[in-house]
C-alpha atoms as a PDB file:
ATOM      1  CA  MET A   1       0.000   0.000   0.000  1.00  0.00           C
ATOM      2  CA  LYS A   2       2.958   2.345   0.341  1.00  0.00           C
ATOM      3  CA  PHE A   3       3.564   2.341  -3.383  1.00  0.00           C
ATOM      4  CA  ALA A   4      -0.023   3.083  -4.427  1.00  0.00           C
ATOM      5  CA  PRO A   5       0.194   6.899  -3.957  1.00  0.00           C
ATOM      6  CA  VAL A   6       3.539   6.963  -5.808  1.00  0.00           C
ATOM      7  CA  ILE A   7       2.092   4.943  -8.683  1.00  0.00           C
ATOM      8  CA  PHE A   8      -0.982   7.221  -8.867  1.00  0.00           C
ATOM      9  CA  LEU A   9       1.247  10.313  -8.705  1.00  0.00           C
ATOM     10  CA  GLY A  10       3.448   8.929 -11.525  1.00  0.00           C
ATOM     11  CA  PHE A  11       0.365   8.057 -13.538  1.00  0.00           C
ATOM     12  CA  ALA A  12      -1.042  11.574 -13.008  1.00  0.00           C
ATOM     13  CA  ILE A  13       2.258  13.138 -14.089  1.00  0.00           C
ATOM     14  CA  LEU A  14       2.371  10.893 -17.148  1.00  0.00           C
ATOM     15  CA  LEU A  15      -1.205  11.838 -18.067  1.00  0.00           C
ATOM     16  CA  GLY A  16      -0.366  15.511 -17.573  1.00  0.00           C
ATOM     17  CA  VAL A  17       2.636  15.234 -19.917  1.00  0.00           C
ATOM     18  CA  VAL A  18       0.597  13.363 -22.527  1.00  0.00           C
ATOM     19  CA  LEU A  19      -2.240  15.895 -22.248  1.00  0.00           C
ATOM     20  CA  PHE A  20       0.253  18.748 -22.615  1.00  0.00           C
ATOM     21  CA  GLN A  21       1.742  17.165 -25.767  1.00  0.00           C
ATOM     22  CA  VAL A  22      -1.704  16.529 -27.235  1.00  0.00           C
ATOM     23  CA  LYS A  23      -2.665  20.144 -26.556  1.00  0.00           C
ATOM     24  CA  TYR A  24       0.383  21.473 -28.404  1.00  0.00           C
ATOM     25  CA  ARG A  25      -0.106  19.019 -31.254  1.00  0.00           C
ATOM     26  CA  VAL A  26      -3.737  20.143 -31.631  1.00  0.00           C
ATOM     27  CA  SER A  27      -2.621  23.785 -31.597  1.00  0.00           C
ATOM     28  CA  ALA A  28      -0.073  23.069 -34.327  1.00  0.00           C
ATOM     29  CA  LEU A  29      -2.694  21.240 -36.417  1.00  0.00           C
ATOM     30  CA  GLU A  30      -5.172  24.116 -35.981  1.00  0.00           C
ATOM     31  CA  LEU A  31      -2.516  26.562 -37.175  1.00  0.00           C
ATOM     32  CA  GLU A  32      -1.756  24.336 -40.168  1.00  0.00           C
ATOM     33  CA  TYR A  33      -5.490  24.049 -40.918  1.00  0.00           C
ATOM     34  CA  ALA A  34      -5.915  27.837 -40.767  1.00  0.00           C
ATOM     35  CA  THR A  35      -2.923  28.271 -43.099  1.00  0.00           C
ATOM     36  CA  LEU A  36      -4.345  25.747 -45.578  1.00  0.00           C
ATOM     37  CA  GLN A  37      -7.753  27.437 -45.475  1.00  0.00           C
ATOM     38  CA  ARG A  38      -6.119  30.812 -46.174  1.00  0.00           C
ATOM     39  CA  ASN A  39      -4.131  29.319 -49.068  1.00  0.00           C
ATOM     40  CA  ILE A  40      -7.292  27.748 -50.518  1.00  0.00           C
ATOM     41  CA  HIS A  41      -9.128  31.059 -50.258  1.00  0.00           C
ATOM     42  CA  ASP A  42      -6.237  32.903 -51.913  1.00  0.00           C
ATOM     43  CA  GLY A  43      -6.155  30.301 -54.693  1.00  0.00           C
ATOM     44  CA  GLN A  44      -9.888  30.660 -55.286  1.00  0.00           C
ATOM     45  CA  GLU A  45      -9.544  34.448 -55.454  1.00  0.00           C
ATOM     46  CA  SER A  46      -6.683  34.068 -57.948  1.00  0.00           C
ATOM     47  CA  ILE A  47      -8.838  31.769 -60.066  1.00  0.00           C
ATOM     48  CA  LYS A  48     -11.650  34.326 -60.084  1.00  0.00           C
ATOM     49  CA  VAL A  49      -9.241  37.082 -61.170  1.00  0.00           C
ATOM     50  CA  LEU A  50      -7.769  34.881 -63.909  1.00  0.00           C
ATOM     51  CA  GLN A  51     -11.243  33.952 -65.159  1.00  0.00           C
ATOM     52  CA  ALA A  52     -12.165  37.639 -65.338  1.00  0.00           C
ATOM     53  CA  GLU A  53      -8.960  38.391 -67.240  1.00  0.00           C
ATOM     54  CA  TRP A  54      -9.619  35.501 -69.627  1.00  0.00           C
ATOM     55  CA  SER A  55     -13.152  36.749 -70.250  1.00  0.00           C
ATOM     56  CA  TYR A  56     -11.785  40.170 -71.130  1.00  0.00           C
ATOM     57  CA  LEU A  57      -8.936  38.851 -73.281  1.00  0.00           C
ATOM     58  CA  SER A  58     -11.164  36.497 -75.256  1.00  0.00           C
ATOM     59  CA  GLU A  59     -13.965  38.942 -76.065  1.00  0.00           C
ATOM     60  CA  PRO A  60     -14.845  38.517 -79.753  1.00  0.00           C
ATOM     61  CA  GLN A  61     -14.957  42.284 -80.441  1.00  0.00           C
ATOM     62  CA  ARG A  62     -11.508  42.763 -78.891  1.00  0.00           C
ATOM     63  CA  LEU A  63     -10.078  39.830 -80.831  1.00  0.00           C
ATOM     64  CA  GLN A  64     -11.633  41.175 -84.041  1.00  0.00           C
ATOM     65  CA  LYS A  65      -9.949  44.563 -83.545  1.00  0.00           C
ATOM     66  CA  LEU A  66      -6.602  42.940 -82.789  1.00  0.00           C
ATOM     67  CA  SER A  67      -6.811  40.639 -85.807  1.00  0.00           C
ATOM     68  CA  GLU A  68      -7.622  43.574 -88.066  1.00  0.00           C
ATOM     69  CA  LYS A  69      -4.710  45.527 -86.612  1.00  0.00           C
ATOM     70  CA  PHE A  70      -2.005  42.845 -86.598  1.00  0.00           C
ATOM     71  CA  LEU A  71      -3.068  40.169 -89.078  1.00  0.00           C
ATOM     72  CA  SER A  72      -3.634  40.478 -92.785  1.00  0.00           C
ATOM     73  CA  LEU A  73      -6.599  38.135 -92.765  1.00  0.00           C
ATOM     74  CA  LYS A  74      -9.533  38.718 -95.053  1.00  0.00           C
ATOM     75  CA  PRO A  75     -12.845  36.909 -95.370  1.00  0.00           C
ATOM     76  CA  MET A  76     -12.669  33.748 -97.445  1.00  0.00           C
ATOM     77  CA  GLN A  77     -13.827  33.978-101.056  1.00  0.00           C
ATOM     78  CA  SER A  78     -15.846  31.270-102.758  1.00  0.00           C
ATOM     79  CA  GLY A  79     -13.099  30.777-105.341  1.00  0.00           C
ATOM     80  CA  GLN A  80     -10.721  29.658-102.611  1.00  0.00           C
ATOM     81  CA  VAL A  81     -12.687  26.484-101.986  1.00  0.00           C
ATOM     82  CA  VAL A  82     -11.493  23.482-103.992  1.00  0.00           C
ATOM     83  CA  ASP A  83     -12.178  19.765-104.029  1.00  0.00           C
ATOM     84  CA  LEU A  84      -9.931  17.423-102.118  1.00  0.00           C
ATOM     85  CA  ALA A  85      -9.067  15.698-105.395  1.00  0.00           C
ATOM     86  CA  GLU A  86      -7.674  18.989-106.732  1.00  0.00           C
ATOM     87  CA  VAL A  87      -5.560  19.429-103.624  1.00  0.00           C
ATOM     88  CA  MET A  88      -4.234  15.875-103.902  1.00  0.00           C
ATOM     89  CA  ARG A  89      -3.410  16.393-107.606  1.00  0.00           C
ATOM     90  CA  VAL A  90      -1.376  19.499-106.775  1.00  0.00           C
ATOM     91  CA  VAL A  91       0.373  17.727-103.922  1.00  0.00           C
ATOM     92  CA  GLU A  92       1.250  14.766-106.143  1.00  0.00           C
ATOM     93  CA  GLU A  93       2.570  17.098-108.850  1.00  0.00           C
ATOM     94  CA  GLU A  94       4.661  18.953-106.287  1.00  0.00           C
ATOM     95  CA  ASN A  95       6.021  15.673-104.921  1.00  0.00           C
ATOM     96  CA  ILE A  96       6.929  14.478-108.403  1.00  0.00           C
ATOM     97  CA  VAL A  97       8.646  17.781-109.227  1.00  0.00           C
ATOM     98  CA  GLN A  98      10.527  17.671-105.923  1.00  0.00           C
ATOM     99  CA  ALA A  99      11.635  14.099-106.573  1.00  0.00           C
ATOM    100  CA  VAL A 100      12.828  14.958-110.102  1.00  0.00           C
ATOM    101  CA  LEU A 101      14.728  18.002-108.851  1.00  0.00           C
ATOM    102  CA  LYS A 102      16.416  15.922-106.159  1.00  0.00           C
ATOM    103  CA  GLY A 103      17.347  13.302-108.722  1.00  0.00           C
ATOM    104  CA  ASN A 104      15.355  10.565-106.998  1.00  0.00           C
ATOM    105  CA  VAL A 105      13.177  10.004-110.065  1.00  0.00           C
ATOM    106  CA  VAL A 106      14.427   9.771-113.612  1.00  0.00           C
ATOM    107  CA  VAL A 107      11.924  10.859-116.218  1.00  0.00           C
ATOM    108  CA  THR A 108      12.047   8.767-119.354  1.00  0.00           C
ATOM    109  CA  GLU A 109      10.033   9.392-122.456  1.00  0.00           C
ATOM    110  CA  GLU A 110       7.816   6.587-123.624  1.00  0.00           C
ATOM    111  CA  PRO A 111       8.794   5.184-127.010  1.00  0.00           C
ATOM    112  CA  ASP A 112       6.294   5.932-129.771  1.00  0.00           C
ATOM    113  CA  GLY A 113       6.666   2.508-131.183  1.00  0.00           C
ATOM    114  CA  SER A 114       8.299   3.836-134.342  1.00  0.00           C
END
């Protein structure tokens, strides 16, 4: 029975130390939580600002003015539209000319049979 008060006192001190450590750990976690919440809020505000900037920068009227000022684009004319077959014919002709110029293809004339 002599050791019972010493054991209870040691147990109380141990619980006090553990409680103290838990308290400081909780305080540190609350500070970290508050910091994360502030960072999230700042990020959301940044996203809102960037969305507003994007809305302004991508306005069709603004883009139209800039394209007229800096680009030499004009509306497409109906004569500029061609069939895919025409495009392929031009590409094939260009490829043949390129090959002949590089010397990869030798052009021979067909005999007339005479």
